[in-house]
């Protein structure tokens, strides 16, 4: 493929966001719980279609993978 045939990064991000948004709407319509990560509290929640939130767990590791690997090596 030639470089001109690729889609732009902005288009890829836009499509990915639209896919996530559609999947969340689908799960809400089917009454399937959604897993949500809160970045501030580092907590994982299960959100039901009625809006109730249940804490499922906490983040296990801190830092990026590349930073953790560099510390070990």
N, C-alpha and C. Protein backbone atom coordinates (compact mmCIF):
# COMPACT_ATOMS: atom_id res chain seq x y z
N UNK A 1 0.84 -1.19 0.00
CA UNK A 1 0.00 0.00 0.00
C UNK A 1 0.87 1.24 0.00
N UNK A 2 0.42 2.21 -0.70
CA UNK A 2 1.13 3.47 -0.71
C UNK A 2 0.72 4.30 0.50
N UNK A 3 1.56 5.21 0.85
CA UNK A 3 1.31 6.07 2.01
C UNK A 3 0.01 6.87 1.85
N UNK A 4 -0.35 7.22 0.62
CA UNK A 4 -1.55 8.01 0.38
C UNK A 4 -2.82 7.21 0.67
N UNK A 5 -2.72 5.87 0.68
CA UNK A 5 -3.90 5.02 0.88
C UNK A 5 -4.22 4.80 2.36
N UNK A 6 -3.31 5.15 3.25
CA UNK A 6 -3.55 4.99 4.67
C UNK A 6 -4.53 6.05 5.17
N UNK A 7 -5.26 5.70 6.24
CA UNK A 7 -6.10 6.73 6.86
C UNK A 7 -5.28 7.46 7.91
N UNK A 8 -5.68 8.67 8.24
CA UNK A 8 -4.90 9.49 9.17
C UNK A 8 -5.08 8.99 10.60
N UNK A 9 -4.18 9.39 11.47
CA UNK A 9 -4.26 9.03 12.88
C UNK A 9 -5.54 9.57 13.51
N UNK A 10 -5.93 10.78 13.11
CA UNK A 10 -7.15 11.38 13.65
C UNK A 10 -8.37 10.54 13.29
N UNK A 11 -8.40 10.00 12.07
CA UNK A 11 -9.51 9.16 11.64
C UNK A 11 -9.55 7.86 12.43
N UNK A 12 -8.38 7.29 12.71
CA UNK A 12 -8.32 6.05 13.49
C UNK A 12 -8.85 6.30 14.90
N UNK A 13 -8.43 7.39 15.53
CA UNK A 13 -8.88 7.72 16.88
C UNK A 13 -10.39 7.97 16.89
N UNK A 14 -10.88 8.68 15.89
CA UNK A 14 -12.30 8.98 15.79
C UNK A 14 -13.11 7.70 15.65
N UNK A 15 -12.65 6.77 14.83
CA UNK A 15 -13.34 5.49 14.64
C UNK A 15 -13.30 4.64 15.91
N UNK A 16 -12.17 4.63 16.60
CA UNK A 16 -12.05 3.85 17.84
C UNK A 16 -12.98 4.39 18.91
N UNK A 17 -13.04 5.72 19.06
CA UNK A 17 -13.94 6.32 20.04
C UNK A 17 -15.39 6.02 19.71
N UNK A 18 -15.75 6.05 18.42
CA UNK A 18 -17.12 5.74 18.01
C UNK A 18 -17.45 4.28 18.30
N UNK A 19 -16.50 3.38 18.09
CA UNK A 19 -16.72 1.95 18.36
C UNK A 19 -16.95 1.71 19.84
N UNK A 20 -16.17 2.37 20.70
CA UNK A 20 -16.33 2.22 22.14
C UNK A 20 -17.68 2.77 22.58
N UNK A 21 -18.03 3.95 22.06
CA UNK A 21 -19.31 4.57 22.40
C UNK A 21 -20.49 3.66 22.01
N UNK A 22 -20.43 3.06 20.82
CA UNK A 22 -21.49 2.15 20.38
C UNK A 22 -21.56 0.90 21.26
N UNK A 23 -20.42 0.37 21.64
CA UNK A 23 -20.40 -0.83 22.48
C UNK A 23 -20.99 -0.54 23.86
N UNK A 24 -20.70 0.62 24.42
CA UNK A 24 -21.26 1.00 25.72
C UNK A 24 -22.78 1.15 25.62
N UNK A 25 -23.26 1.79 24.55
CA UNK A 25 -24.70 1.94 24.35
C UNK A 25 -25.37 0.58 24.20
N UNK A 26 -24.73 -0.32 23.48
CA UNK A 26 -25.26 -1.67 23.27
C UNK A 26 -25.37 -2.41 24.60
N UNK A 27 -24.33 -2.33 25.43
CA UNK A 27 -24.35 -3.02 26.72
C UNK A 27 -25.41 -2.44 27.64
N UNK A 28 -25.61 -1.12 27.60
CA UNK A 28 -26.66 -0.50 28.40
C UNK A 28 -28.03 -0.98 27.96
N UNK A 29 -28.24 -1.09 26.64
CA UNK A 29 -29.53 -1.53 26.11
C UNK A 29 -29.81 -2.99 26.47
N UNK A 30 -28.77 -3.81 26.56
CA UNK A 30 -28.94 -5.23 26.88
C UNK A 30 -28.84 -5.51 28.38
N UNK A 31 -28.74 -4.47 29.20
CA UNK A 31 -28.59 -4.60 30.67
C UNK A 31 -27.37 -5.43 31.06
N UNK A 32 -26.26 -5.21 30.37
CA UNK A 32 -25.00 -5.88 30.68
C UNK A 32 -24.12 -4.87 31.41
N UNK A 33 -23.53 -5.24 32.56
CA UNK A 33 -22.68 -4.30 33.29
C UNK A 33 -21.42 -3.93 32.50
N UNK A 34 -20.92 -2.72 32.77
CA UNK A 34 -19.74 -2.19 32.10
C UNK A 34 -18.63 -2.01 33.14
N UNK A 35 -17.41 -2.38 32.79
CA UNK A 35 -16.27 -2.16 33.68
C UNK A 35 -15.67 -0.79 33.37
N UNK A 36 -15.48 0.03 34.41
CA UNK A 36 -14.97 1.39 34.26
C UNK A 36 -13.79 1.57 35.21
N UNK A 37 -12.72 2.20 34.72
CA UNK A 37 -11.54 2.47 35.53
C UNK A 37 -11.50 3.95 35.87
N UNK A 38 -11.44 4.27 37.16
CA UNK A 38 -11.34 5.66 37.61
C UNK A 38 -9.86 5.99 37.80
N UNK A 39 -9.35 6.89 36.98
CA UNK A 39 -7.93 7.20 37.02
C UNK A 39 -7.49 7.90 38.30
N UNK A 40 -8.37 8.71 38.88
CA UNK A 40 -7.99 9.45 40.09
C UNK A 40 -7.82 8.53 41.28
N UNK A 41 -8.78 7.64 41.50
CA UNK A 41 -8.73 6.75 42.66
C UNK A 41 -8.06 5.42 42.36
N UNK A 42 -7.72 5.16 41.07
CA UNK A 42 -7.09 3.91 40.66
C UNK A 42 -7.96 2.71 41.03
N UNK A 43 -9.28 2.85 40.86
CA UNK A 43 -10.24 1.82 41.23
C UNK A 43 -11.03 1.37 40.01
N UNK A 44 -11.36 0.08 39.97
CA UNK A 44 -12.17 -0.48 38.89
C UNK A 44 -13.59 -0.65 39.43
N UNK A 45 -14.57 -0.16 38.67
CA UNK A 45 -15.97 -0.24 39.06
C UNK A 45 -16.76 -1.04 38.03
N UNK A 46 -17.84 -1.65 38.50
CA UNK A 46 -18.82 -2.26 37.61
C UNK A 46 -20.03 -1.34 37.62
N UNK A 47 -20.40 -0.82 36.45
CA UNK A 47 -21.51 0.12 36.34
C UNK A 47 -22.66 -0.60 35.66
N UNK A 48 -23.82 -0.66 36.34
CA UNK A 48 -24.99 -1.30 35.78
C UNK A 48 -25.76 -0.30 34.92
N UNK A 49 -26.74 -0.81 34.16
CA UNK A 49 -27.49 0.05 33.24
C UNK A 49 -28.33 1.09 33.98
N UNK A 50 -28.64 0.84 35.26
CA UNK A 50 -29.40 1.82 36.04
C UNK A 50 -28.51 2.89 36.66
N UNK A 51 -27.19 2.78 36.47
CA UNK A 51 -26.26 3.81 36.94
C UNK A 51 -25.59 3.48 38.26
N UNK A 52 -25.95 2.38 38.90
CA UNK A 52 -25.31 2.02 40.17
C UNK A 52 -23.89 1.53 39.92
N UNK A 53 -22.98 1.91 40.84
CA UNK A 53 -21.57 1.54 40.73
C UNK A 53 -21.17 0.63 41.88
N UNK A 54 -20.46 -0.44 41.56
CA UNK A 54 -19.96 -1.38 42.56
C UNK A 54 -18.46 -1.48 42.36
N UNK A 55 -17.70 -1.29 43.44
CA UNK A 55 -16.24 -1.40 43.35
C UNK A 55 -15.87 -2.87 43.16
N UNK A 56 -15.05 -3.12 42.14
CA UNK A 56 -14.63 -4.48 41.83
C UNK A 56 -13.21 -4.74 42.33
N UNK A 57 -12.33 -3.75 42.19
CA UNK A 57 -10.95 -3.95 42.63
C UNK A 57 -10.12 -2.70 42.50
N UNK A 58 -8.87 -2.81 42.90
CA UNK A 58 -7.90 -1.71 42.81
C UNK A 58 -6.84 -2.07 41.78
N UNK A 59 -6.11 -1.07 41.37
CA UNK A 59 -5.01 -1.27 40.44
C UNK A 59 -3.91 -2.05 41.14
N UNK A 60 -3.36 -3.05 40.46
CA UNK A 60 -2.35 -3.90 41.08
C UNK A 60 -0.95 -3.32 41.00
N UNK A 61 -0.60 -2.76 39.86
CA UNK A 61 0.76 -2.26 39.67
C UNK A 61 0.73 -0.78 39.35
N UNK A 62 1.80 -0.11 39.71
CA UNK A 62 1.92 1.31 39.39
C UNK A 62 3.04 1.51 38.39
N UNK A 63 2.91 2.52 37.58
CA UNK A 63 3.93 2.82 36.59
C UNK A 63 3.68 2.12 35.28
N UNK A 64 4.35 2.58 34.26
CA UNK A 64 4.23 1.98 32.94
C UNK A 64 5.05 0.70 32.86
N UNK A 65 4.66 -0.16 31.94
CA UNK A 65 5.36 -1.44 31.77
C UNK A 65 6.83 -1.22 31.47
N UNK A 66 7.14 -0.27 30.59
CA UNK A 66 8.54 -0.03 30.23
C UNK A 66 9.34 0.44 31.42
N UNK A 67 8.72 1.21 32.32
CA UNK A 67 9.42 1.67 33.52
C UNK A 67 9.66 0.51 34.49
N UNK A 68 8.69 -0.40 34.63
CA UNK A 68 8.86 -1.55 35.52
C UNK A 68 9.93 -2.49 35.02
N UNK A 69 9.99 -2.69 33.69
CA UNK A 69 10.97 -3.59 33.10
C UNK A 69 12.37 -3.01 33.25
N UNK A 70 12.50 -1.69 33.10
CA UNK A 70 13.80 -1.03 33.22
C UNK A 70 14.33 -1.14 34.63
N UNK A 71 13.45 -1.12 35.64
CA UNK A 71 13.88 -1.24 37.03
C UNK A 71 14.45 -2.62 37.33
N UNK A 72 13.87 -3.66 36.72
CA UNK A 72 14.32 -5.04 36.96
C UNK A 72 15.68 -5.30 36.30
N UNK A 73 15.88 -4.70 35.12
CA UNK A 73 17.09 -5.00 34.33
C UNK A 73 18.29 -4.28 34.73
